[in-house]
Protein backbone atom coordinates (compact mmCIF):
# COMPACT_ATOMS: atom_id res chain seq x y z
CA MET A 1 18.51 13.00 -13.85
CA ASN A 2 16.57 10.23 -12.17
CA ASP A 3 13.33 10.20 -10.21
CA PRO A 4 14.32 11.39 -6.71
CA ASN A 5 11.83 8.95 -5.19
CA LEU A 6 13.61 6.05 -6.91
CA THR A 7 16.91 7.20 -5.46
CA ALA A 8 15.31 7.40 -2.01
CA ARG A 9 13.89 3.87 -2.39
CA ILE A 10 17.31 2.57 -3.46
CA ARG A 11 18.77 4.08 -0.28
CA VAL A 12 16.02 2.48 1.80
CA ALA A 13 16.50 -0.88 0.06
CA THR A 14 20.28 -0.80 0.58
CA LYS A 15 19.71 0.08 4.23
CA GLY A 16 21.77 3.26 4.02
CA GLN A 17 24.98 1.41 3.16
CA ASN A 18 27.82 3.41 1.69
CA THR A 19 28.91 3.23 -1.96
CA ARG A 20 31.63 0.69 -1.30
CA GLU A 21 29.27 -1.69 0.54
CA VAL A 22 26.53 -1.41 -2.10
CA SER A 23 29.10 -1.95 -4.87
CA TYR A 24 30.45 -5.04 -3.13
CA THR A 25 26.98 -6.46 -2.45
CA THR A 26 25.59 -5.86 -5.94
CA GLY A 27 28.77 -6.50 -7.92
CA VAL A 28 28.28 -3.18 -9.73
CA ASN A 29 31.20 -0.78 -10.30
CA ARG A 30 31.71 1.58 -7.35
CA GLU A 31 31.63 4.73 -9.52
CA SER A 32 28.34 3.62 -11.10
CA VAL A 33 26.84 2.99 -7.67
CA ARG A 34 27.99 6.46 -6.53
CA ARG A 35 26.20 8.01 -9.53
CA TYR A 36 23.01 6.03 -8.84
CA LEU A 37 22.98 6.98 -5.16
CA LYS A 38 23.40 10.66 -6.12
CA GLY A 39 20.36 10.53 -8.41
CA GLY A 40 21.72 9.21 -11.71
CA LYS A 41 19.61 6.83 -13.78
CA PRO A 42 20.42 3.29 -12.59
CA SER A 43 21.07 0.43 -14.99
CA VAL A 44 18.65 -2.48 -15.27
CA GLU A 45 21.37 -4.78 -13.92
CA PHE A 46 21.83 -2.58 -10.85
CA ILE A 47 18.08 -2.58 -10.18
CA ARG A 48 18.04 -6.36 -10.64
CA GLN A 49 20.93 -6.86 -8.23
CA VAL A 50 19.39 -4.56 -5.61
CA CYS A 51 16.16 -6.57 -5.80
CA LEU A 52 18.01 -9.89 -5.52
CA ARG A 53 20.63 -8.96 -2.93
CA TYR A 54 18.45 -6.82 -0.67
CA ASN A 55 15.27 -8.89 -1.03
CA VAL A 56 13.03 -6.12 -2.37
CA LEU A 57 10.35 -6.35 -5.03
CA ALA A 58 10.93 -4.60 -8.36
CA ASP A 59 7.45 -2.99 -8.40
CA TRP A 60 8.19 -1.28 -5.11
CA LEU A 61 11.73 -0.27 -6.05
CA ILE A 62 10.94 1.07 -9.52
CA LEU A 63 7.38 2.35 -9.14
CA GLY A 64 7.00 2.81 -5.41
CA GLU A 65 3.91 0.60 -5.48
CA GLY A 66 2.96 -2.51 -3.58
CA PRO A 67 4.75 -4.29 -0.77
CA ARG A 68 8.48 -3.73 -0.36
CA THR A 69 9.61 -7.32 0.31
CA ARG A 70 8.49 -10.86 -0.49
CA GLU A 71 7.65 -11.34 3.18
CA GLU A 72 5.32 -8.32 3.13
CA LEU A 73 3.69 -9.65 -0.06
CA LYS A 74 3.20 -13.07 1.51
CA SER A 75 1.68 -11.52 4.63
CA GLU A 76 -0.73 -9.46 2.51
CA LEU A 77 -1.77 -12.50 0.47
CA LEU A 78 -2.30 -14.65 3.55
CA ALA A 79 -4.33 -11.92 5.23
CA ASP A 80 -6.61 -11.82 2.18
CA LEU A 81 -7.30 -15.55 2.32
CA ASP A 82 -9.85 -16.88 4.73
CA SER A 83 -8.98 -20.18 6.39
CA ASP A 84 -11.38 -22.25 4.25
CA ARG A 85 -9.97 -20.88 0.99
CA PHE A 86 -6.42 -21.37 2.27
CA ALA A 87 -7.10 -25.04 3.08
CA GLU A 88 -8.82 -25.51 -0.29
CA ALA A 89 -5.87 -23.97 -2.16
CA TRP A 90 -3.41 -26.27 -0.39
CA ALA A 91 -5.62 -29.30 -1.04
CA GLU A 92 -5.66 -28.45 -4.77
CA ARG A 93 -1.90 -28.00 -4.80
CA PHE A 94 -1.37 -31.26 -2.93
CA ALA A 95 -3.61 -33.11 -5.41
CA ARG A 96 -1.56 -31.77 -8.35
CA VAL A 97 1.70 -32.80 -6.69
CA GLU A 98 0.28 -36.22 -5.87
CA SER A 99 -0.81 -36.80 -9.49
CA ARG A 100 2.64 -35.78 -10.72
CA LEU A 101 4.27 -38.21 -8.30
CA ILE A 102 2.00 -41.01 -9.51
CA ALA A 103 2.96 -40.24 -13.12
CA ILE A 104 6.66 -40.24 -12.23
CA GLU A 105 6.28 -43.51 -10.34
CA HIS A 106 4.58 -45.04 -13.40
CA ILE A 107 7.40 -43.88 -15.67
CA LEU A 108 10.06 -45.26 -13.33
CA THR A 109 8.25 -48.59 -12.97
CA THR A 110 7.88 -48.89 -16.74
CA ASP A 111 11.55 -48.00 -17.23
CA ARG A 112 12.67 -50.63 -14.69
CA SER A 113 10.45 -53.21 -16.33
CA LEU A 114 11.88 -52.49 -19.77
CA ARG A 115 15.44 -52.58 -18.45
CA SER A 116 14.90 -55.93 -16.72
CA GLN A 117 13.38 -57.39 -19.90
CA SER A 118 16.36 -56.29 -21.99
CA ALA A 119 18.76 -57.78 -19.45
CA ASP A 120 16.89 -61.12 -19.24
CA PRO A 121 19.06 -63.82 -20.96
CA THR A 122 16.20 -66.29 -21.36
CA PRO A 123 15.37 -67.56 -24.87
CA THR A 124 12.70 -65.70 -26.78
CA GLU A 125 10.11 -66.89 -29.26
CA THR A 126 12.48 -66.31 -32.21
CA GLY A 127 14.20 -69.63 -32.54
CA GLY A 128 16.07 -69.77 -29.26
CA SER A 129 18.15 -66.62 -29.58
CA THR A 130 18.33 -64.33 -26.60
CA VAL A 131 17.26 -60.74 -26.33
CA LYS A 132 20.91 -59.78 -25.79
CA SER A 133 21.98 -61.47 -29.00
CA GLN A 134 19.19 -59.72 -30.88
CA MET A 135 20.34 -56.39 -29.55
CA ALA A 136 23.98 -57.14 -30.40
CA GLY A 137 23.26 -57.42 -34.10
CA PRO A 138 24.31 -60.13 -36.58
CA GLN A 139 26.67 -62.81 -35.33
CA ARG A 140 30.03 -63.44 -37.02
CA VAL A 141 30.59 -66.95 -38.28
């Protein structure tokens, strides 16, 4: 037998849908869903699918603790932040993203430069042979 509060939370999360609808939405066998909605111990996969498909948080569904949905969690977190801290947090995040973009731009620029050098058919310092001929390997005579 399962925790009756868990069964009640599953019914709340699935918005009172019938067995067929919950089975279709979660992709879990209809008979298994019927057992779970009658108080049987649900599988981990069923819990996972309920969380994903009905947008509920696992802590709330399994333990009955914390906010029920991601939106409620976000609202709680935003309410806890004062406006100065919120702006500071976004400035820090923006700085990290900006530094990553600069690093990516550097990598792409370096890659383009190396590609253009390898495609350049001008003679090199090694006795007039070209970069392409050096890359092609020994010449047949």
